Each structure stands twice: as C-alpha cells, then as structure tokens.
Amino acid sequence: MPLISISLRRGTTPEHRRLVSEALHESMVEVLKIPRDDQFHVFHEVTDDNFVMQPVVFGIPRSRRTLFIQLSFNQRGAEQTAELFRAIVDNLRLRAGVPAEDVMLMAVETARENWWAAGRTVDPVTGYDARMTDVPDVSLPGVRGDSGR
C-alpha cells in the first residue's frame, strides 16, 4: 500500500496532475509490482512563498515546475529503489513533460506491519500484500521474498 505525496507550486492544471499521477503509478506497478488498484497519491499545491528552493541545486538550474515527491512503501533493496527512481524520472518526462532536473525524489521505507487499510490481506510468509505475485527478493533483515516461500 504505497503512499505518494507530491508537492508542487500552485497553478498546475488537473490534466498535469493526472499525468504526473499516471507516470508515478505506472512506475510503481512496473518496478515494485504493486496491484493496479493500489494507488494513493496526494497532491499538495503550495504558494510560491511556501515552496522554498534555490534556483540552482547541485549545480543544475531548477524551474518553477520542480516536484518534490515522497514515496512511502515497505522496505526494498537499494537496487530496486534505484530502478524505481529511474522509472519515475523516465515516465514523468515521457508522460507529463517533466524534465529530470525538475524531479526531487525521496523514499521513506516503513516496516510492513505499519500499514493498514480495510480489505488488505498480508501474506504472512512474505509480509507483502497477498495479491502481489512477484514480491521482492531482498536480503534485508526480516524481509523475505519469493525465496522465503
């Protein structure tokens, strides 16, 4: 049950936000193998005075369209998280016209037992949503994938 929070400056169109959401969700489905209906995205449009960022960050100019995206999901390995970041940047560029320099990503990984939603069933062996058929096989303490079945 990933949760994605997207912060951006006020004034974007509903169409732009829809395209951003689609790009993010497609990346999560492709890389994390989450079920298609497992989509929770919250947009936070803020005024200019509440969106503080230097115009050049890490030596790269950033535009007013910069997105701060916080992804919250169960623990994953570093390789899968890096793959997810790449997919998100690519999909945002292709689907929503957001250039890589205007994407800021942060993953917040939480223990599997710290998520709840009515109707969600957790596989006791993997700790992931029981509907997931391709759970990660990572070597993190307490995280078991298909090899643990």
Protein backbone atom coordinates (compact mmCIF):
# COMPACT_ATOMS: atom_id res chain seq x y z
CA MET A 1 0.00 0.00 0.00
CA PRO A 2 2.39 2.70 -1.18
CA LEU A 3 1.51 6.31 -0.45
CA ILE A 4 2.88 9.09 -2.63
CA SER A 5 2.88 12.77 -1.68
CA ILE A 6 3.62 15.25 -4.45
CA SER A 7 4.42 18.86 -3.57
CA LEU A 8 4.39 21.46 -6.31
CA ARG A 9 3.70 25.13 -6.82
CA ARG A 10 0.10 26.23 -7.06
CA GLY A 11 -1.26 26.78 -10.53
CA THR A 12 -0.87 23.42 -12.27
CA THR A 13 -3.77 22.04 -14.26
CA PRO A 14 -5.82 19.00 -13.30
CA GLU A 15 -4.54 17.39 -16.52
CA HIS A 16 -0.91 17.91 -15.49
CA ARG A 17 -1.55 16.40 -12.05
CA ARG A 18 -3.36 13.45 -13.67
CA LEU A 19 -0.39 12.81 -15.99
CA VAL A 20 2.06 13.04 -13.08
CA SER A 21 -0.07 10.59 -11.09
CA GLU A 22 -0.25 8.18 -14.03
CA ALA A 23 3.52 8.33 -14.53
CA LEU A 24 4.17 7.65 -10.85
CA HIS A 25 1.66 4.81 -10.63
CA GLU A 26 2.90 3.09 -13.78
CA SER A 27 6.43 3.18 -12.35
CA MET A 28 5.26 1.62 -9.09
CA VAL A 29 3.35 -1.13 -10.92
CA GLU A 30 6.27 -1.87 -13.26
CA VAL A 31 9.07 -1.86 -10.70
CA LEU A 32 7.51 -2.70 -7.34
CA LYS A 33 4.89 -5.00 -8.90
CA ILE A 34 2.10 -3.49 -6.80
CA PRO A 35 -1.51 -4.29 -7.78
CA ARG A 36 -3.03 -1.80 -10.24
CA ASP A 37 -5.69 -0.68 -7.76
CA ASP A 38 -3.11 0.10 -5.06
CA GLN A 39 -2.91 3.82 -5.83
CA PHE A 40 -2.81 6.55 -3.18
CA HIS A 41 -1.47 9.92 -4.39
CA VAL A 42 -1.89 13.20 -2.54
CA PHE A 43 -1.02 16.48 -4.28
CA HIS A 44 0.00 19.47 -2.20
CA GLU A 45 -0.13 22.68 -4.21
CA VAL A 46 1.61 25.45 -2.34
CA THR A 47 2.10 29.16 -2.85
CA ASP A 48 5.46 30.50 -4.01
CA ASP A 49 6.31 31.74 -0.53
CA ASN A 50 5.76 28.22 0.85
CA PHE A 51 7.90 26.49 -1.78
CA VAL A 52 11.44 27.48 -0.90
CA MET A 53 14.19 26.19 -3.15
CA GLN A 54 17.36 27.64 -4.60
CA PRO A 55 17.18 28.24 -8.38
CA VAL A 56 20.36 26.14 -8.81
CA VAL A 57 20.69 22.92 -6.79
CA PHE A 58 23.73 20.61 -7.10
CA GLY A 59 24.94 22.87 -9.91
CA ILE A 60 21.80 22.31 -12.01
CA PRO A 61 19.19 25.01 -12.69
CA ARG A 62 15.70 24.06 -11.45
CA SER A 63 12.46 25.54 -12.74
CA ARG A 64 9.25 26.65 -11.07
CA ARG A 65 7.76 23.29 -12.14
CA THR A 66 10.00 21.29 -9.77
CA LEU A 67 8.21 18.45 -7.99
CA PHE A 68 9.11 17.16 -4.53
CA ILE A 69 7.90 13.56 -4.43
CA GLN A 70 7.89 11.50 -1.25
CA LEU A 71 7.29 7.78 -1.71
CA SER A 72 6.29 5.70 1.31
CA PHE A 73 6.34 1.92 0.96
CA ASN A 74 7.62 -1.32 2.51
CA GLN A 75 11.35 -1.98 2.67
CA ARG A 76 13.01 -2.66 -0.68
CA GLY A 77 16.59 -3.21 -1.68
CA ALA A 78 18.82 -0.37 -2.88
CA GLU A 79 18.85 -1.72 -6.45
CA GLN A 80 15.06 -1.85 -6.69
CA THR A 81 14.73 1.65 -5.23
CA ALA A 82 17.27 2.98 -7.75
CA GLU A 83 15.36 1.21 -10.55
CA LEU A 84 12.14 2.82 -9.30
CA PHE A 85 13.74 6.28 -9.28
CA ARG A 86 14.94 5.79 -12.87
CA ALA A 87 11.49 4.61 -13.99
CA ILE A 88 9.79 7.57 -12.31
CA VAL A 89 12.11 10.11 -13.92
CA ASP A 90 11.65 8.48 -17.34
CA ASN A 91 7.86 8.20 -17.03
CA LEU A 92 7.47 11.76 -15.76
CA ARG A 93 9.46 13.03 -18.74
CA LEU A 94 7.57 10.90 -21.28
CA ARG A 95 4.03 11.17 -19.90
CA ALA A 96 3.94 14.57 -18.17
CA GLY A 97 6.75 16.51 -19.82
CA VAL A 98 8.66 16.97 -16.55
CA PRO A 99 12.42 17.15 -17.15
CA ALA A 100 14.74 15.17 -14.89
CA GLU A 101 16.18 18.33 -13.33
CA ASP A 102 12.71 19.21 -12.00
CA VAL A 103 12.23 15.94 -10.11
CA MET A 104 13.26 15.51 -6.47
CA LEU A 105 12.58 12.04 -5.02
CA MET A 106 12.70 10.66 -1.50
CA ALA A 107 11.74 7.15 -0.41
CA VAL A 108 10.53 6.52 3.12
CA GLU A 109 10.60 2.82 3.85
CA THR A 110 8.48 1.52 6.69
CA ALA A 111 8.04 -1.86 8.31
CA ARG A 112 5.36 -3.94 6.61
CA GLU A 113 3.31 -4.15 9.82
CA ASN A 114 2.97 -0.35 9.93
CA TRP A 115 0.40 -0.24 7.10
CA TRP A 116 -3.32 -0.85 7.40
CA ALA A 117 -6.36 -0.47 5.15
CA ALA A 118 -9.71 -2.25 5.31
CA GLY A 119 -9.69 -5.23 2.96
CA ARG A 120 -5.92 -5.52 2.73
CA THR A 121 -4.60 -9.01 3.38
CA VAL A 122 -0.94 -9.56 4.15
CA ASP A 123 0.78 -12.80 3.19
CA PRO A 124 2.32 -14.00 6.50
CA VAL A 125 5.27 -15.58 4.69
CA THR A 126 6.35 -12.54 2.66
CA GLY A 127 4.79 -9.72 4.66
CA TYR A 128 3.52 -8.12 1.44
CA ASP A 129 0.03 -7.68 0.03
CA ALA A 130 -1.32 -11.18 -0.62
CA ARG A 131 -2.36 -10.14 -4.15
CA MET A 132 1.26 -9.48 -5.13
CA THR A 133 2.62 -12.37 -7.18
CA ASP A 134 6.13 -11.01 -7.61
CA VAL A 135 7.38 -9.84 -4.23
CA PRO A 136 10.94 -8.57 -3.90
CA ASP A 137 13.72 -10.97 -3.06
CA VAL A 138 15.91 -8.72 -0.96
CA SER A 139 18.49 -9.54 1.63
CA LEU A 140 17.35 -7.17 4.34
CA PRO A 141 16.92 -8.46 7.88
CA GLY A 142 13.31 -9.54 8.35
CA VAL A 143 12.41 -9.11 4.66
CA ARG A 144 11.70 -12.26 2.75
CA GLY A 145 10.74 -12.53 -0.89
CA ASP A 146 9.89 -15.50 -3.10
CA SER A 147 12.96 -17.38 -1.88
CA GLY A 148 11.40 -17.46 1.60
CA ARG A 149 8.30 -19.38 0.46
